[in-house]
């Protein structure tokens, strides 16, 4: 974790900027978990197509885990279904923990704003947004 400490010393906070905008298809329905702290965390996944001219070979899509503690975001995301196309903004986060096999980490997008772009198929009684 020494590298992480050096990262924090690179520049003053006002020179840092961490902002992500994603548009993709929902691949895992949103799930809410109550944390021991009392916070509610919503988690879901989207897939995003890579551009055809990417230099990364192999996969043509990326699966991205998204999370939010914001109840306003929860209200929007709660209605999403598999296959919906959505737009989100937020910040990239790296979460680490100690597992039985050592230190583990994952990158997630902490979502601060979210909107449905296009619903997958028709929904009975759905309100068009």
C-alpha atoms as a PDB file:
ATOM      1  CA  UNK A   1       0.000   0.000   0.000  1.00  0.00           C
ATOM      2  CA  UNK A   2       3.061   2.273  -0.039  1.00  0.00           C
ATOM      3  CA  UNK A   3       2.226   3.367  -3.596  1.00  0.00           C
ATOM      4  CA  UNK A   4      -1.172   4.650  -2.405  1.00  0.00           C
ATOM      5  CA  UNK A   5       0.470   6.904   0.202  1.00  0.00           C
ATOM      6  CA  UNK A   6       2.779   8.386  -2.445  1.00  0.00           C
ATOM      7  CA  UNK A   7      -0.276   9.096  -4.620  1.00  0.00           C
ATOM      8  CA  UNK A   8      -1.742  11.270  -1.879  1.00  0.00           C
ATOM      9  CA  UNK A   9       1.418  13.414  -1.793  1.00  0.00           C
ATOM     10  CA  UNK A  10       1.544  14.230  -5.537  1.00  0.00           C
ATOM     11  CA  UNK A  11      -0.455  17.469  -5.654  1.00  0.00           C
ATOM     12  CA  UNK A  12      -2.717  19.634  -3.511  1.00  0.00           C
ATOM     13  CA  UNK A  13      -6.392  18.585  -3.500  1.00  0.00           C
ATOM     14  CA  UNK A  14      -7.514  21.558  -5.601  1.00  0.00           C
ATOM     15  CA  UNK A  15      -5.454  20.187  -8.520  1.00  0.00           C
ATOM     16  CA  UNK A  16      -7.113  16.771  -8.417  1.00  0.00           C
ATOM     17  CA  UNK A  17     -10.203  15.916 -10.432  1.00  0.00           C
ATOM     18  CA  UNK A  18     -12.023  12.574 -10.493  1.00  0.00           C
ATOM     19  CA  UNK A  19     -15.139  12.641 -12.639  1.00  0.00           C
ATOM     20  CA  UNK A  20     -16.638   9.877 -14.755  1.00  0.00           C
ATOM     21  CA  UNK A  21     -19.584   9.883 -17.141  1.00  0.00           C
ATOM     22  CA  UNK A  22     -20.901   6.496 -18.293  1.00  0.00           C
ATOM     23  CA  UNK A  23     -23.651   5.431 -20.658  1.00  0.00           C
ATOM     24  CA  UNK A  24     -24.295   1.707 -20.744  1.00  0.00           C
ATOM     25  CA  UNK A  25     -26.703  -1.185 -20.402  1.00  0.00           C
ATOM     26  CA  UNK A  26     -27.805  -2.525 -16.997  1.00  0.00           C
ATOM     27  CA  UNK A  27     -26.519  -6.093 -16.544  1.00  0.00           C
ATOM     28  CA  UNK A  28     -27.228  -6.634 -12.825  1.00  0.00           C
ATOM     29  CA  UNK A  29     -30.361  -5.318 -11.160  1.00  0.00           C
ATOM     30  CA  UNK A  30     -29.809  -2.805  -8.351  1.00  0.00           C
ATOM     31  CA  UNK A  31     -29.556  -4.286  -4.850  1.00  0.00           C
ATOM     32  CA  UNK A  32     -29.633  -2.330  -1.574  1.00  0.00           C
ATOM     33  CA  UNK A  33     -27.586  -3.433   1.439  1.00  0.00           C
ATOM     34  CA  UNK A  34     -27.833  -2.025   4.941  1.00  0.00           C
ATOM     35  CA  UNK A  35     -24.314  -1.568   6.286  1.00  0.00           C
ATOM     36  CA  UNK A  36     -23.304  -1.930   9.963  1.00  0.00           C
ATOM     37  CA  UNK A  37     -22.684   1.850   9.975  1.00  0.00           C
ATOM     38  CA  UNK A  38     -26.388   2.427   9.268  1.00  0.00           C
ATOM     39  CA  UNK A  39     -25.704   3.602   5.702  1.00  0.00           C
ATOM     40  CA  UNK A  40     -27.593   2.086   2.777  1.00  0.00           C
ATOM     41  CA  UNK A  41     -25.476   1.079  -0.198  1.00  0.00           C
ATOM     42  CA  UNK A  42     -26.996   0.334  -3.591  1.00  0.00           C
ATOM     43  CA  UNK A  43     -24.936  -1.746  -6.015  1.00  0.00           C
ATOM     44  CA  UNK A  44     -25.536  -2.618  -9.686  1.00  0.00           C
ATOM     45  CA  UNK A  45     -23.532  -3.334 -12.837  1.00  0.00           C
ATOM     46  CA  UNK A  46     -23.558  -1.993 -16.375  1.00  0.00           C
ATOM     47  CA  UNK A  47     -21.724  -2.973 -19.526  1.00  0.00           C
ATOM     48  CA  UNK A  48     -20.149  -0.419 -21.825  1.00  0.00           C
ATOM     49  CA  UNK A  49     -19.009  -1.162 -25.377  1.00  0.00           C
ATOM     50  CA  UNK A  50     -15.407  -0.398 -26.227  1.00  0.00           C
ATOM     51  CA  UNK A  51     -14.786   1.663 -29.359  1.00  0.00           C
ATOM     52  CA  UNK A  52     -13.809  -0.468 -32.370  1.00  0.00           C
ATOM     53  CA  UNK A  53     -10.417   1.246 -32.661  1.00  0.00           C
ATOM     54  CA  UNK A  54      -9.303   0.399 -29.110  1.00  0.00           C
ATOM     55  CA  UNK A  55      -5.803  -1.007 -28.704  1.00  0.00           C
ATOM     56  CA  UNK A  56      -7.018  -3.374 -25.991  1.00  0.00           C
ATOM     57  CA  UNK A  57      -7.516  -6.722 -27.685  1.00  0.00           C
ATOM     58  CA  UNK A  58      -9.987  -9.389 -26.676  1.00  0.00           C
ATOM     59  CA  UNK A  59     -13.132  -8.250 -24.934  1.00  0.00           C
ATOM     60  CA  UNK A  60     -15.338  -5.783 -26.737  1.00  0.00           C
ATOM     61  CA  UNK A  61     -17.184  -4.609 -23.625  1.00  0.00           C
ATOM     62  CA  UNK A  62     -16.319  -3.614 -20.082  1.00  0.00           C
ATOM     63  CA  UNK A  63     -18.426  -4.611 -17.082  1.00  0.00           C
ATOM     64  CA  UNK A  64     -18.465  -1.817 -14.510  1.00  0.00           C
ATOM     65  CA  UNK A  65     -19.666  -2.077 -10.923  1.00  0.00           C
ATOM     66  CA  UNK A  66     -21.536   1.002  -9.730  1.00  0.00           C
ATOM     67  CA  UNK A  67     -22.415   1.961  -6.145  1.00  0.00           C
ATOM     68  CA  UNK A  68     -24.221   4.800  -4.413  1.00  0.00           C
ATOM     69  CA  UNK A  69     -24.974   5.921  -0.878  1.00  0.00           C
ATOM     70  CA  UNK A  70     -27.246   8.741  -2.166  1.00  0.00           C
ATOM     71  CA  UNK A  71     -30.961   8.085  -1.533  1.00  0.00           C
ATOM     72  CA  UNK A  72     -31.890  10.364  -4.440  1.00  0.00           C
ATOM     73  CA  UNK A  73     -29.854   8.143  -6.758  1.00  0.00           C
ATOM     74  CA  UNK A  74     -31.466   5.078  -5.126  1.00  0.00           C
ATOM     75  CA  UNK A  75     -34.924   6.428  -6.033  1.00  0.00           C
ATOM     76  CA  UNK A  76     -33.939   6.745  -9.723  1.00  0.00           C
ATOM     77  CA  UNK A  77     -31.962   3.507 -10.012  1.00  0.00           C
ATOM     78  CA  UNK A  78     -34.513   1.364  -8.136  1.00  0.00           C
ATOM     79  CA  UNK A  79     -36.760   1.316 -11.236  1.00  0.00           C
ATOM     80  CA  UNK A  80     -34.041   0.144 -13.622  1.00  0.00           C
ATOM     81  CA  UNK A  81     -34.307  -3.306 -15.199  1.00  0.00           C
ATOM     82  CA  UNK A  82     -31.920  -5.578 -17.060  1.00  0.00           C
ATOM     83  CA  UNK A  83     -31.206  -4.208 -20.523  1.00  0.00           C
ATOM     84  CA  UNK A  84     -32.103  -0.576 -19.747  1.00  0.00           C
ATOM     85  CA  UNK A  85     -29.688   1.982 -21.187  1.00  0.00           C
ATOM     86  CA  UNK A  86     -28.656   4.444 -18.474  1.00  0.00           C
ATOM     87  CA  UNK A  87     -26.452   7.510 -18.009  1.00  0.00           C
ATOM     88  CA  UNK A  88     -24.527   8.139 -14.815  1.00  0.00           C
ATOM     89  CA  UNK A  89     -21.942  10.519 -13.454  1.00  0.00           C
ATOM     90  CA  UNK A  90     -19.701  10.083 -10.456  1.00  0.00           C
ATOM     91  CA  UNK A  91     -16.151   9.240  -9.429  1.00  0.00           C
ATOM     92  CA  UNK A  92     -13.868   6.225  -9.730  1.00  0.00           C
ATOM     93  CA  UNK A  93     -13.106   4.633  -6.344  1.00  0.00           C
ATOM     94  CA  UNK A  94     -10.733   1.847  -5.303  1.00  0.00           C
ATOM     95  CA  UNK A  95     -11.950  -0.208  -2.368  1.00  0.00           C
ATOM     96  CA  UNK A  96      -9.569  -2.528  -0.524  1.00  0.00           C
ATOM     97  CA  UNK A  97     -10.088  -5.148   2.168  1.00  0.00           C
ATOM     98  CA  UNK A  98      -8.240  -8.043   3.731  1.00  0.00           C
ATOM     99  CA  UNK A  99      -9.608 -11.425   2.653  1.00  0.00           C
ATOM    100  CA  UNK A 100      -8.639 -14.944   3.673  1.00  0.00           C
ATOM    101  CA  UNK A 101      -6.139 -15.002   0.800  1.00  0.00           C
ATOM    102  CA  UNK A 102      -4.601 -11.560   1.404  1.00  0.00           C
ATOM    103  CA  UNK A 103      -5.368  -7.972   0.476  1.00  0.00           C
ATOM    104  CA  UNK A 104      -8.020  -7.639  -2.222  1.00  0.00           C
ATOM    105  CA  UNK A 105      -9.183  -4.586  -4.140  1.00  0.00           C
ATOM    106  CA  UNK A 106     -11.787  -3.555  -6.672  1.00  0.00           C
ATOM    107  CA  UNK A 107     -12.507  -0.419  -8.684  1.00  0.00           C
ATOM    108  CA  UNK A 108     -16.082   0.898  -8.641  1.00  0.00           C
ATOM    109  CA  UNK A 109     -17.880   4.013  -9.790  1.00  0.00           C
ATOM    110  CA  UNK A 110     -19.483   5.949  -6.942  1.00  0.00           C
ATOM    111  CA  UNK A 111     -22.547   7.367  -8.696  1.00  0.00           C
ATOM    112  CA  UNK A 112     -23.801  10.848  -7.802  1.00  0.00           C
ATOM    113  CA  UNK A 113     -26.243  11.356 -10.667  1.00  0.00           C
ATOM    114  CA  UNK A 114     -28.259   8.857 -12.712  1.00  0.00           C
ATOM    115  CA  UNK A 115     -30.943   8.828 -15.400  1.00  0.00           C
ATOM    116  CA  UNK A 116     -32.731   6.316 -17.581  1.00  0.00           C
ATOM    117  CA  UNK A 117     -31.918   6.909 -21.270  1.00  0.00           C
ATOM    118  CA  UNK A 118     -33.972   4.101 -22.819  1.00  0.00           C
ATOM    119  CA  UNK A 119     -36.003   1.324 -21.265  1.00  0.00           C
ATOM    120  CA  UNK A 120     -35.435  -2.229 -22.482  1.00  0.00           C
ATOM    121  CA  UNK A 121     -38.582  -3.332 -24.290  1.00  0.00           C
ATOM    122  CA  UNK A 122     -41.968  -2.272 -23.056  1.00  0.00           C
ATOM    123  CA  UNK A 123     -43.032  -2.176 -19.435  1.00  0.00           C
ATOM    124  CA  UNK A 124     -46.590  -2.495 -18.268  1.00  0.00           C
ATOM    125  CA  UNK A 125     -47.679   0.665 -16.529  1.00  0.00           C
ATOM    126  CA  UNK A 126     -44.275   2.296 -17.053  1.00  0.00           C
ATOM    127  CA  UNK A 127     -44.108   6.052 -17.047  1.00  0.00           C
ATOM    128  CA  UNK A 128     -41.979   7.481 -19.842  1.00  0.00           C
ATOM    129  CA  UNK A 129     -39.333   9.801 -18.470  1.00  0.00           C
END
